[in-house]
Amino acid sequence: MLEKTTRMNYLYDFYQSLLTPKQQSYMYLYYLDDYSLGEIAEEYDVSRQAVYDNIKRTETMLEEYEEKLLLLEKFQQRIKLLNHMKDLMKEDSLSKTELLQVISELEKLD
């Protein structure tokens, strides 16, 4: 569950501007403020089922955006490559060739 929450938080960060204000609000309250479905339903004077349906639809939309745009995947690849570069820089025998290769991979991501 924690892994899903973390993924949804990242997807929300990347794609929130593509959501309606209501979708943004429900996702923010549910995933970032840790509100329950009942608390959100009470806040908006709707049923728990309506909140649940909206959140599930929005989750699906966020996953579809990621399938097409790959912003989260590229972000994760960038972090991995940057960490690899840091590790290379710490080594006594710095391989410039390997470092240039990592830089090249970073450039390809954009």
PDB file of N, CA and C in Angstrom:
ATOM      1  N   MET A   1       0.826  -1.201   0.000  1.00  0.00           N
ATOM      2  CA  MET A   1       0.000   0.000   0.000  1.00  0.00           C
ATOM      3  C   MET A   1       0.866   1.259   0.000  1.00  0.00           C
ATOM      4  N   LEU A   2       1.957   1.227   0.772  1.00  0.00           N
ATOM      5  CA  LEU A   2       2.834   2.393   0.831  1.00  0.00           C
ATOM      6  C   LEU A   2       3.456   2.670  -0.533  1.00  0.00           C
ATOM      7  N   GLU A   3       3.814   1.617  -1.259  1.00  0.00           N
ATOM      8  CA  GLU A   3       4.396   1.779  -2.592  1.00  0.00           C
ATOM      9  C   GLU A   3       3.389   2.431  -3.548  1.00  0.00           C
ATOM     10  N   LYS A   4       2.126   2.001  -3.457  1.00  0.00           N
ATOM     11  CA  LYS A   4       1.092   2.593  -4.311  1.00  0.00           C
ATOM     12  C   LYS A   4       0.886   4.068  -3.947  1.00  0.00           C
ATOM     13  N   THR A   5       0.868   4.356  -2.661  1.00  0.00           N
ATOM     14  CA  THR A   5       0.685   5.738  -2.210  1.00  0.00           C
ATOM     15  C   THR A   5       1.827   6.622  -2.709  1.00  0.00           C
ATOM     16  N   THR A   6       3.037   6.129  -2.601  1.00  0.00           N
ATOM     17  CA  THR A   6       4.189   6.891  -3.079  1.00  0.00           C
ATOM     18  C   THR A   6       4.091   7.129  -4.578  1.00  0.00           C
ATOM     19  N   ARG A   7       3.724   6.090  -5.332  1.00  0.00           N
ATOM     20  CA  ARG A   7       3.584   6.228  -6.782  1.00  0.00           C
ATOM     21  C   ARG A   7       2.502   7.254  -7.120  1.00  0.00           C
ATOM     22  N   MET A   8       1.356   7.163  -6.458  1.00  0.00           N
ATOM     23  CA  MET A   8       0.264   8.109  -6.725  1.00  0.00           C
ATOM     24  C   MET A   8       0.673   9.543  -6.379  1.00  0.00           C
ATOM     25  N   ASN A   9       1.436   9.699  -5.306  1.00  0.00           N
ATOM     26  CA  ASN A   9       1.911  11.040  -4.951  1.00  0.00           C
ATOM     27  C   ASN A   9       2.810  11.607  -6.048  1.00  0.00           C
ATOM     28  N   TYR A  10       3.693  10.777  -6.577  1.00  0.00           N
ATOM     29  CA  TYR A  10       4.557  11.226  -7.679  1.00  0.00           C
ATOM     30  C   TYR A  10       3.730  11.543  -8.925  1.00  0.00           C
ATOM     31  N   LEU A  11       2.818  10.644  -9.276  1.00  0.00           N
ATOM     32  CA  LEU A  11       1.991  10.882 -10.456  1.00  0.00           C
ATOM     33  C   LEU A  11       1.166  12.153 -10.290  1.00  0.00           C
ATOM     34  N   TYR A  12       0.647  12.347  -9.095  1.00  0.00           N
ATOM     35  CA  TYR A  12      -0.118  13.565  -8.820  1.00  0.00           C
ATOM     36  C   TYR A  12       0.766  14.797  -9.009  1.00  0.00           C
ATOM     37  N   ASP A  13       1.979  14.744  -8.489  1.00  0.00           N
ATOM     38  CA  ASP A  13       2.901  15.882  -8.640  1.00  0.00           C
ATOM     39  C   ASP A  13       3.153  16.210 -10.104  1.00  0.00           C
ATOM     40  N   PHE A  14       3.350  15.189 -10.904  1.00  0.00           N
ATOM     41  CA  PHE A  14       3.666  15.412 -12.311  1.00  0.00           C
ATOM     42  C   PHE A  14       2.460  15.832 -13.151  1.00  0.00           C
ATOM     43  N   TYR A  15       1.285  15.299 -12.842  1.00  0.00           N
ATOM     44  CA  TYR A  15       0.143  15.473 -13.735  1.00  0.00           C
ATOM     45  C   TYR A  15      -1.040  16.234 -13.138  1.00  0.00           C
ATOM     46  N   GLN A  16      -0.894  16.803 -11.966  1.00  0.00           N
ATOM     47  CA  GLN A  16      -2.038  17.448 -11.310  1.00  0.00           C
ATOM     48  C   GLN A  16      -2.670  18.543 -12.151  1.00  0.00           C
ATOM     49  N   SER A  17      -1.883  19.224 -12.949  1.00  0.00           N
ATOM     50  CA  SER A  17      -2.448  20.317 -13.757  1.00  0.00           C
ATOM     51  C   SER A  17      -3.382  19.800 -14.851  1.00  0.00           C
ATOM     52  N   LEU A  18      -3.356  18.501 -15.109  1.00  0.00           N
ATOM     53  CA  LEU A  18      -4.248  17.913 -16.106  1.00  0.00           C
ATOM     54  C   LEU A  18      -5.574  17.453 -15.499  1.00  0.00           C
ATOM     55  N   LEU A  19      -5.702  17.583 -14.191  1.00  0.00           N
ATOM     56  CA  LEU A  19      -6.908  17.134 -13.484  1.00  0.00           C
ATOM     57  C   LEU A  19      -7.851  18.309 -13.241  1.00  0.00           C
ATOM     58  N   THR A  20      -9.116  17.977 -13.045  1.00  0.00           N
ATOM     59  CA  THR A  20     -10.087  19.006 -12.682  1.00  0.00           C
ATOM     60  C   THR A  20      -9.831  19.433 -11.231  1.00  0.00           C
ATOM     61  N   PRO A  21     -10.337  20.593 -10.838  1.00  0.00           N
ATOM     62  CA  PRO A  21     -10.152  21.027  -9.441  1.00  0.00           C
ATOM     63  C   PRO A  21     -10.693  20.001  -8.429  1.00  0.00           C
ATOM     64  N   LYS A  22     -11.823  19.379  -8.735  1.00  0.00           N
ATOM     65  CA  LYS A  22     -12.391  18.383  -7.816  1.00  0.00           C
ATOM     66  C   LYS A  22     -11.478  17.162  -7.717  1.00  0.00           C
ATOM     67  N   GLN A  23     -10.968  16.697  -8.850  1.00  0.00           N
ATOM     68  CA  GLN A  23     -10.044  15.555  -8.838  1.00  0.00           C
ATOM     69  C   GLN A  23      -8.782  15.905  -8.052  1.00  0.00           C
ATOM     70  N   GLN A  24      -8.269  17.097  -8.273  1.00  0.00           N
ATOM     71  CA  GLN A  24      -7.078  17.532  -7.543  1.00  0.00           C
ATOM     72  C   GLN A  24      -7.334  17.515  -6.046  1.00  0.00           C
ATOM     73  N   SER A  25      -8.474  18.055  -5.655  1.00  0.00           N
ATOM     74  CA  SER A  25      -8.803  18.153  -4.247  1.00  0.00           C
ATOM     75  C   SER A  25      -8.955  16.777  -3.600  1.00  0.00           C
ATOM     76  N   TYR A  26      -9.719  15.890  -4.236  1.00  0.00           N
ATOM     77  CA  TYR A  26      -9.917  14.539  -3.686  1.00  0.00           C
ATOM     78  C   TYR A  26      -8.582  13.809  -3.552  1.00  0.00           C
ATOM     79  N   MET A  27      -7.754  13.880  -4.598  1.00  0.00           N
ATOM     80  CA  MET A  27      -6.470  13.173  -4.568  1.00  0.00           C
ATOM     81  C   MET A  27      -5.550  13.772  -3.501  1.00  0.00           C
ATOM     82  N   TYR A  28      -5.543  15.085  -3.398  1.00  0.00           N
ATOM     83  CA  TYR A  28      -4.707  15.744  -2.400  1.00  0.00           C
ATOM     84  C   TYR A  28      -5.121  15.322  -0.992  1.00  0.00           C
ATOM     85  N   LEU A  29      -6.409  15.394  -0.734  1.00  0.00           N
ATOM     86  CA  LEU A  29      -6.903  15.029   0.598  1.00  0.00           C
ATOM     87  C   LEU A  29      -6.644  13.559   0.910  1.00  0.00           C
ATOM     88  N   TYR A  30      -6.889  12.685  -0.062  1.00  0.00           N
ATOM     89  CA  TYR A  30      -6.765  11.247   0.171  1.00  0.00           C
ATOM     90  C   TYR A  30      -5.304  10.805   0.293  1.00  0.00           C
ATOM     91  N   TYR A  31      -4.469  11.226  -0.632  1.00  0.00           N
ATOM     92  CA  TYR A  31      -3.093  10.729  -0.657  1.00  0.00           C
ATOM     93  C   TYR A  31      -2.097  11.587   0.115  1.00  0.00           C
ATOM     94  N   LEU A  32      -2.249  12.881   0.089  1.00  0.00           N
ATOM     95  CA  LEU A  32      -1.257  13.725   0.759  1.00  0.00           C
ATOM     96  C   LEU A  32      -1.658  14.082   2.187  1.00  0.00           C
ATOM     97  N   ASP A  33      -2.945  14.357   2.425  1.00  0.00           N
ATOM     98  CA  ASP A  33      -3.397  14.692   3.779  1.00  0.00           C
ATOM     99  C   ASP A  33      -3.938  13.483   4.546  1.00  0.00           C
ATOM    100  N   ASP A  34      -3.984  12.328   3.880  1.00  0.00           N
ATOM    101  CA  ASP A  34      -4.386  11.063   4.518  1.00  0.00           C
ATOM    102  C   ASP A  34      -5.808  11.101   5.091  1.00  0.00           C
ATOM    103  N   TYR A  35      -6.704  11.797   4.391  1.00  0.00           N
ATOM    104  CA  TYR A  35      -8.110  11.779   4.782  1.00  0.00           C
ATOM    105  C   TYR A  35      -8.707  10.426   4.393  1.00  0.00           C
ATOM    106  N   SER A  36      -9.702   9.993   5.144  1.00  0.00           N
ATOM    107  CA  SER A  36     -10.437   8.775   4.775  1.00  0.00           C
ATOM    108  C   SER A  36     -11.503   9.139   3.740  1.00  0.00           C
ATOM    109  N   LEU A  37     -12.057   8.127   3.095  1.00  0.00           N
ATOM    110  CA  LEU A  37     -13.136   8.366   2.134  1.00  0.00           C
ATOM    111  C   LEU A  37     -14.305   9.066   2.817  1.00  0.00           C
ATOM    112  N   GLY A  38     -14.604   8.630   4.048  1.00  0.00           N
ATOM    113  CA  GLY A  38     -15.705   9.221   4.801  1.00  0.00           C
ATOM    114  C   GLY A  38     -15.476  10.691   5.118  1.00  0.00           C
ATOM    115  N   GLU A  39     -14.250  11.033   5.475  1.00  0.00           N
ATOM    116  CA  GLU A  39     -13.933  12.435   5.787  1.00  0.00           C
ATOM    117  C   GLU A  39     -14.065  13.317   4.542  1.00  0.00           C
ATOM    118  N   ILE A  40     -13.608  12.806   3.402  1.00  0.00           N
ATOM    119  CA  ILE A  40     -13.726  13.575   2.161  1.00  0.00           C
ATOM    120  C   ILE A  40     -15.195  13.712   1.778  1.00  0.00           C
ATOM    121  N   ALA A  41     -15.953  12.614   1.917  1.00  0.00           N
ATOM    122  CA  ALA A  41     -17.384  12.643   1.596  1.00  0.00           C
ATOM    123  C   ALA A  41     -18.108  13.670   2.458  1.00  0.00           C
ATOM    124  N   GLU A  42     -17.775  13.697   3.720  1.00  0.00           N
ATOM    125  CA  GLU A  42     -18.401  14.658   4.634  1.00  0.00           C
ATOM    126  C   GLU A  42     -18.031  16.095   4.246  1.00  0.00           C
ATOM    127  N   GLU A  43     -16.783  16.306   3.901  1.00  0.00           N
ATOM    128  CA  GLU A  43     -16.293  17.638   3.509  1.00  0.00           C
ATOM    129  C   GLU A  43     -17.027  18.175   2.282  1.00  0.00           C
ATOM    130  N   TYR A  44     -17.321  17.285   1.332  1.00  0.00           N
ATOM    131  CA  TYR A  44     -17.954  17.702   0.071  1.00  0.00           C
ATOM    132  C   TYR A  44     -19.446  17.378  -0.006  1.00  0.00           C
ATOM    133  N   ASP A  45     -19.978  16.813   1.082  1.00  0.00           N
ATOM    134  CA  ASP A  45     -21.393  16.470   1.144  1.00  0.00           C
ATOM    135  C   ASP A  45     -21.812  15.554  -0.003  1.00  0.00           C
ATOM    136  N   VAL A  46     -21.037  14.493  -0.193  1.00  0.00           N
ATOM    137  CA  VAL A  46     -21.340  13.454  -1.182  1.00  0.00           C
ATOM    138  C   VAL A  46     -21.177  12.098  -0.500  1.00  0.00           C
ATOM    139  N   SER A  47     -21.521  11.041  -1.204  1.00  0.00           N
ATOM    140  CA  SER A  47     -21.396   9.709  -0.623  1.00  0.00           C
ATOM    141  C   SER A  47     -19.944   9.233  -0.668  1.00  0.00           C
ATOM    142  N   ARG A  48     -19.644   8.274   0.213  1.00  0.00           N
ATOM    143  CA  ARG A  48     -18.311   7.665   0.204  1.00  0.00           C
ATOM    144  C   ARG A  48     -18.061   6.993  -1.137  1.00  0.00           C
ATOM    145  N   GLN A  49     -19.111   6.391  -1.696  1.00  0.00           N
ATOM    146  CA  GLN A  49     -18.977   5.705  -2.991  1.00  0.00           C
ATOM    147  C   GLN A  49     -18.599   6.699  -4.095  1.00  0.00           C
ATOM    148  N   ALA A  50     -19.176   7.890  -4.058  1.00  0.00           N
ATOM    149  CA  ALA A  50     -18.848   8.909  -5.064  1.00  0.00           C
ATOM    150  C   ALA A  50     -17.376   9.312  -4.952  1.00  0.00           C
ATOM    151  N   VAL A  51     -16.898   9.457  -3.742  1.00  0.00           N
ATOM    152  CA  VAL A  51     -15.488   9.803  -3.529  1.00  0.00           C
ATOM    153  C   VAL A  51     -14.600   8.669  -4.027  1.00  0.00           C
ATOM    154  N   TYR A  52     -14.956   7.437  -3.644  1.00  0.00           N
ATOM    155  CA  TYR A  52     -14.183   6.268  -4.061  1.00  0.00           C
ATOM    156  C   TYR A  52     -14.120   6.171  -5.590  1.00  0.00           C
ATOM    157  N   ASP A  53     -15.257   6.309  -6.240  1.00  0.00           N
ATOM    158  CA  ASP A  53     -15.301   6.233  -7.706  1.00  0.00           C
ATOM    159  C   ASP A  53     -14.445   7.314  -8.349  1.00  0.00           C
ATOM    160  N   ASN A  54     -14.526   8.526  -7.820  1.00  0.00           N
ATOM    161  CA  ASN A  54     -13.742   9.635  -8.360  1.00  0.00           C
ATOM    162  C   ASN A  54     -12.249   9.369  -8.205  1.00  0.00           C
ATOM    163  N   ILE A  55     -11.844   8.897  -7.049  1.00  0.00           N
ATOM    164  CA  ILE A  55     -10.421   8.623  -6.797  1.00  0.00           C
ATOM    165  C   ILE A  55      -9.927   7.497  -7.711  1.00  0.00           C
ATOM    166  N   LYS A  56     -10.711   6.435  -7.848  1.00  0.00           N
ATOM    167  CA  LYS A  56     -10.302   5.320  -8.708  1.00  0.00           C
ATOM    168  C   LYS A  56     -10.197   5.751 -10.172  1.00  0.00           C
ATOM    169  N   ARG A  57     -11.146   6.534 -10.627  1.00  0.00           N
ATOM    170  CA  ARG A  57     -11.097   7.052 -12.006  1.00  0.00           C
ATOM    171  C   ARG A  57      -9.871   7.934 -12.211  1.00  0.00           C
ATOM    172  N   THR A  58      -9.591   8.763 -11.222  1.00  0.00           N
ATOM    173  CA  THR A  58      -8.449   9.668 -11.307  1.00  0.00           C
ATOM    174  C   THR A  58      -7.135   8.885 -11.288  1.00  0.00           C
ATOM    175  N   GLU A  59      -7.053   7.859 -10.459  1.00  0.00           N
ATOM    176  CA  GLU A  59      -5.857   7.001 -10.445  1.00  0.00           C
ATOM    177  C   GLU A  59      -5.613   6.397 -11.827  1.00  0.00           C
ATOM    178  N   THR A  60      -6.684   5.915 -12.441  1.00  0.00           N
ATOM    179  CA  THR A  60      -6.582   5.332 -13.784  1.00  0.00           C
ATOM    180  C   THR A  60      -6.102   6.380 -14.786  1.00  0.00           C
ATOM    181  N   MET A  61      -6.642   7.570 -14.687  1.00  0.00           N
ATOM    182  CA  MET A  61      -6.227   8.656 -15.581  1.00  0.00           C
ATOM    183  C   MET A  61      -4.746   8.972 -15.407  1.00  0.00           C
ATOM    184  N   LEU A  62      -4.301   9.049 -14.158  1.00  0.00           N
ATOM    185  CA  LEU A  62      -2.892   9.348 -13.902  1.00  0.00           C
ATOM    186  C   LEU A  62      -1.986   8.273 -14.488  1.00  0.00           C
ATOM    187  N   GLU A  63      -2.386   7.018 -14.355  1.00  0.00           N
ATOM    188  CA  GLU A  63      -1.598   5.911 -14.930  1.00  0.00           C
ATOM    189  C   GLU A  63      -1.581   6.000 -16.457  1.00  0.00           C
ATOM    190  N   GLU A  64      -2.698   6.393 -17.051  1.00  0.00           N
ATOM    191  CA  GLU A  64      -2.744   6.548 -18.514  1.00  0.00           C
ATOM    192  C   GLU A  64      -1.851   7.693 -18.977  1.00  0.00           C
ATOM    193  N   TYR A  65      -1.850   8.795 -18.240  1.00  0.00           N
ATOM    194  CA  TYR A  65      -0.957   9.904 -18.570  1.00  0.00           C
ATOM    195  C   TYR A  65       0.498   9.438 -18.514  1.00  0.00           C
ATOM    196  N   GLU A  66       0.821   8.676 -17.485  1.00  0.00           N
ATOM    197  CA  GLU A  66       2.194   8.196 -17.340  1.00  0.00           C
ATOM    198  C   GLU A  66       2.569   7.245 -18.477  1.00  0.00           C
ATOM    199  N   GLU A  67       1.633   6.393 -18.894  1.00  0.00           N
ATOM    200  CA  GLU A  67       1.888   5.492 -20.022  1.00  0.00           C
ATOM    201  C   GLU A  67       2.296   6.264 -21.267  1.00  0.00           C
ATOM    202  N   LYS A  68       1.651   7.395 -21.471  1.00  0.00           N
ATOM    203  CA  LYS A  68       1.882   8.175 -22.691  1.00  0.00           C
ATOM    204  C   LYS A  68       3.062   9.142 -22.558  1.00  0.00           C
ATOM    205  N   LEU A  69       3.203   9.784 -21.418  1.00  0.00           N
ATOM    206  CA  LEU A  69       4.185  10.861 -21.275  1.00  0.00           C
ATOM    207  C   LEU A  69       5.488  10.446 -20.571  1.00  0.00           C
ATOM    208  N   LEU A  70       5.418   9.417 -19.754  1.00  0.00           N
ATOM    209  CA  LEU A  70       6.586   8.832 -19.083  1.00  0.00           C
ATOM    210  C   LEU A  70       7.386   9.810 -18.211  1.00  0.00           C
ATOM    211  N   LEU A  71       6.721  10.800 -17.635  1.00  0.00           N
ATOM    212  CA  LEU A  71       7.439  11.774 -16.810  1.00  0.00           C
ATOM    213  C   LEU A  71       8.036  11.140 -15.554  1.00  0.00           C
ATOM    214  N   LEU A  72       7.293  10.275 -14.892  1.00  0.00           N
ATOM    215  CA  LEU A  72       7.791   9.617 -13.687  1.00  0.00           C
ATOM    216  C   LEU A  72       8.931   8.662 -14.030  1.00  0.00           C
ATOM    217  N   GLU A  73       8.775   7.891 -15.083  1.00  0.00           N
ATOM    218  CA  GLU A  73       9.814   6.939 -15.488  1.00  0.00           C
ATOM    219  C   GLU A  73      11.124   7.674 -15.806  1.00  0.00           C
ATOM    220  N   LYS A  74      11.035   8.768 -16.550  1.00  0.00           N
ATOM    221  CA  LYS A  74      12.238   9.539 -16.890  1.00  0.00           C
ATOM    222  C   LYS A  74      12.856  10.166 -15.645  1.00  0.00           C
ATOM    223  N   PHE A  75      12.024  10.624 -14.738  1.00  0.00           N
ATOM    224  CA  PHE A  75      12.511  11.185 -13.480  1.00  0.00           C
ATOM    225  C   PHE A  75      13.295  10.126 -12.704  1.00  0.00           C
ATOM    226  N   GLN A  76      12.737   8.927 -12.603  1.00  0.00           N
ATOM    227  CA  GLN A  76      13.404   7.845 -11.871  1.00  0.00           C
ATOM    228  C   GLN A  76      14.713   7.449 -12.554  1.00  0.00           C
ATOM    229  N   GLN A  77      14.727   7.421 -13.880  1.00  0.00           N
ATOM    230  CA  GLN A  77      15.957   7.105 -14.611  1.00  0.00           C
ATOM    231  C   GLN A  77      17.013   8.185 -14.360  1.00  0.00           C
ATOM    232  N   ARG A  78      16.585   9.447 -14.365  1.00  0.00           N
ATOM    233  CA  ARG A  78      17.510  10.554 -14.111  1.00  0.00           C
ATOM    234  C   ARG A  78      18.152  10.425 -12.727  1.00  0.00           C
ATOM    235  N   ILE A  79      17.336  10.132 -11.735  1.00  0.00           N
ATOM    236  CA  ILE A  79      17.837   9.974 -10.367  1.00  0.00           C
ATOM    237  C   ILE A  79      18.853   8.834 -10.313  1.00  0.00           C
ATOM    238  N   LYS A  80      18.530   7.735 -10.956  1.00  0.00           N
ATOM    239  CA  LYS A  80      19.432   6.571 -10.974  1.00  0.00           C
ATOM    240  C   LYS A  80      20.762   6.933 -11.637  1.00  0.00           C
ATOM    241  N   LEU A  81      20.703   7.616 -12.770  1.00  0.00           N
ATOM    242  CA  LEU A  81      21.926   7.998 -13.475  1.00  0.00           C
ATOM    243  C   LEU A  81      22.747   9.011 -12.678  1.00  0.00           C
ATOM    244  N   LEU A  82      22.080   9.949 -12.047  1.00  0.00           N
ATOM    245  CA  LEU A  82      22.797  10.928 -11.224  1.00  0.00           C
ATOM    246  C   LEU A  82      23.485  10.261 -10.032  1.00  0.00           C
ATOM    247  N   ASN A  83      22.822   9.303  -9.430  1.00  0.00           N
ATOM    248  CA  ASN A  83      23.445   8.560  -8.326  1.00  0.00           C
ATOM    249  C   ASN A  83      24.649   7.768  -8.816  1.00  0.00           C
ATOM    250  N   HIS A  84      24.537   7.210 -10.007  1.00  0.00           N
ATOM    251  CA  HIS A  84      25.652   6.467 -10.599  1.00  0.00           C
ATOM    252  C   HIS A  84      26.831   7.413 -10.854  1.00  0.00           C
ATOM    253  N   MET A  85      26.528   8.608 -11.335  1.00  0.00           N
ATOM    254  CA  MET A  85      27.589   9.602 -11.556  1.00  0.00           C
ATOM    255  C   MET A  85      28.276   9.966 -10.238  1.00  0.00           C
ATOM    256  N   LYS A  86      27.499  10.146  -9.200  1.00  0.00           N
ATOM    257  CA  LYS A  86      28.074  10.468  -7.893  1.00  0.00           C
ATOM    258  C   LYS A  86      28.999   9.351  -7.423  1.00  0.00           C
ATOM    259  N   ASP A  87      28.561   8.106  -7.621  1.00  0.00           N
ATOM    260  CA  ASP A  87      29.396   6.967  -7.236  1.00  0.00           C
ATOM    261  C   ASP A  87      30.696   6.943  -8.037  1.00  0.00           C
ATOM    262  N   LEU A  88      30.597   7.226  -9.317  1.00  0.00           N
ATOM    263  CA  LEU A  88      31.798   7.259 -10.158  1.00  0.00           C
ATOM    264  C   LEU A  88      32.766   8.349  -9.684  1.00  0.00           C
ATOM    265  N   MET A  89      32.225   9.476  -9.285  1.00  0.00           N
ATOM    266  CA  MET A  89      33.069  10.589  -8.837  1.00  0.00           C
ATOM    267  C   MET A  89      33.801  10.259  -7.537  1.00  0.00           C
ATOM    268  N   LYS A  90      33.234   9.383  -6.734  1.00  0.00           N
ATOM    269  CA  LYS A  90      33.843   9.006  -5.455  1.00  0.00           C
ATOM    270  C   LYS A  90      34.988   8.013  -5.629  1.00  0.00           C
ATOM    271  N   GLU A  91      35.002   7.308  -6.749  1.00  0.00           N
ATOM    272  CA  GLU A  91      36.031   6.291  -6.978  1.00  0.00           C
ATOM    273  C   GLU A  91      37.394   6.942  -7.174  1.00  0.00           C
ATOM    274  N   ASP A  92      38.426   6.236  -6.702  1.00  0.00           N
ATOM    275  CA  ASP A  92      39.796   6.727  -6.859  1.00  0.00           C
ATOM    276  C   ASP A  92      40.214   6.751  -8.329  1.00  0.00           C
ATOM    277  N   SER A  93      39.839   5.704  -9.036  1.00  0.00           N
ATOM    278  CA  SER A  93      40.205   5.628 -10.454  1.00  0.00           C
ATOM    279  C   SER A  93      39.004   6.064 -11.300  1.00  0.00           C
ATOM    280  N   LEU A  94      38.811   7.355 -11.388  1.00  0.00           N
ATOM    281  CA  LEU A  94      37.679   7.926 -12.114  1.00  0.00           C
ATOM    282  C   LEU A  94      37.787   7.592 -13.601  1.00  0.00           C
ATOM    283  N   SER A  95      36.763   6.947 -14.116  1.00  0.00           N
ATOM    284  CA  SER A  95      36.720   6.589 -15.534  1.00  0.00           C
ATOM    285  C   SER A  95      35.953   7.665 -16.287  1.00  0.00           C
ATOM    286  N   LYS A  96      36.681   8.490 -17.012  1.00  0.00           N
ATOM    287  CA  LYS A  96      36.037   9.564 -17.764  1.00  0.00           C
ATOM    288  C   LYS A  96      35.129   9.003 -18.849  1.00  0.00           C
ATOM    289  N   THR A  97      35.513   7.888 -19.419  1.00  0.00           N
ATOM    290  CA  THR A  97      34.706   7.270 -20.466  1.00  0.00           C
ATOM    291  C   THR A  97      33.346   6.856 -19.912  1.00  0.00           C
ATOM    292  N   GLU A  98      33.376   6.223 -18.763  1.00  0.00           N
ATOM    293  CA  GLU A  98      32.116   5.790 -18.148  1.00  0.00           C
ATOM    294  C   GLU A  98      31.276   6.991 -17.731  1.00  0.00           C
ATOM    295  N   LEU A  99      31.919   8.000 -17.222  1.00  0.00           N
ATOM    296  CA  LEU A  99      31.222   9.222 -16.829  1.00  0.00           C
ATOM    297  C   LEU A  99      30.569   9.889 -18.041  1.00  0.00           C
ATOM    298  N   LEU A 100      31.288   9.965 -19.138  1.00  0.00           N
ATOM    299  CA  LEU A 100      30.734  10.531 -20.370  1.00  0.00           C
ATOM    300  C   LEU A 100      29.559   9.703 -20.885  1.00  0.00           C
ATOM    301  N   GLN A 101      29.637   8.412 -20.714  1.00  0.00           N
ATOM    302  CA  GLN A 101      28.545   7.528 -21.128  1.00  0.00           C
ATOM    303  C   GLN A 101      27.285   7.822 -20.308  1.00  0.00           C
ATOM    304  N   VAL A 102      27.432   8.004 -19.017  1.00  0.00           N
ATOM    305  CA  VAL A 102      26.295   8.314 -18.150  1.00  0.00           C
ATOM    306  C   VAL A 102      25.707   9.671 -18.536  1.00  0.00           C
ATOM    307  N   ILE A 103      26.556  10.636 -18.801  1.00  0.00           N
ATOM    308  CA  ILE A 103      26.089  11.957 -19.220  1.00  0.00           C
ATOM    309  C   ILE A 103      25.313  11.849 -20.528  1.00  0.00           C
ATOM    310  N   SER A 104      25.808  11.048 -21.433  1.00  0.00           N
ATOM    311  CA  SER A 104      25.123  10.821 -22.704  1.00  0.00           C
ATOM    312  C   SER A 104      23.732  10.214 -22.499  1.00  0.00           C
ATOM    313  N   GLU A 105      23.643   9.259 -21.579  1.00  0.00           N
ATOM    314  CA  GLU A 105      22.347   8.642 -21.263  1.00  0.00           C
ATOM    315  C   GLU A 105      21.386   9.672 -20.662  1.00  0.00           C
ATOM    316  N   LEU A 106      21.924  10.546 -19.840  1.00  0.00           N
ATOM    317  CA  LEU A 106      21.085  11.613 -19.269  1.00  0.00           C
ATOM    318  C   LEU A 106      20.542  12.530 -20.352  1.00  0.00           C
ATOM    319  N   GLU A 107      21.373  12.873 -21.301  1.00  0.00           N
ATOM    320  CA  GLU A 107      20.959  13.747 -22.378  1.00  0.00           C
ATOM    321  C   GLU A 107      19.861  13.100 -23.246  1.00  0.00           C
ATOM    322  N   LYS A 108      19.916  11.808 -23.393  1.00  0.00           N
ATOM    323  CA  LYS A 108      18.922  11.095 -24.205  1.00  0.00           C
ATOM    324  C   LYS A 108      17.527  11.111 -23.570  1.00  0.00           C
ATOM    325  N   LEU A 109      17.471  11.288 -22.266  1.00  0.00           N
ATOM    326  CA  LEU A 109      16.179  11.271 -21.570  1.00  0.00           C
ATOM    327  C   LEU A 109      15.294  12.445 -21.938  1.00  0.00           C
ATOM    328  N   ASP A 110      15.876  13.530 -22.333  1.00  0.00           N
ATOM    329  CA  ASP A 110      15.088  14.715 -22.672  1.00  0.00           C
ATOM    330  C   ASP A 110      14.753  14.717 -24.112  1.00  0.00           C
TER     331      ASP A 110
END
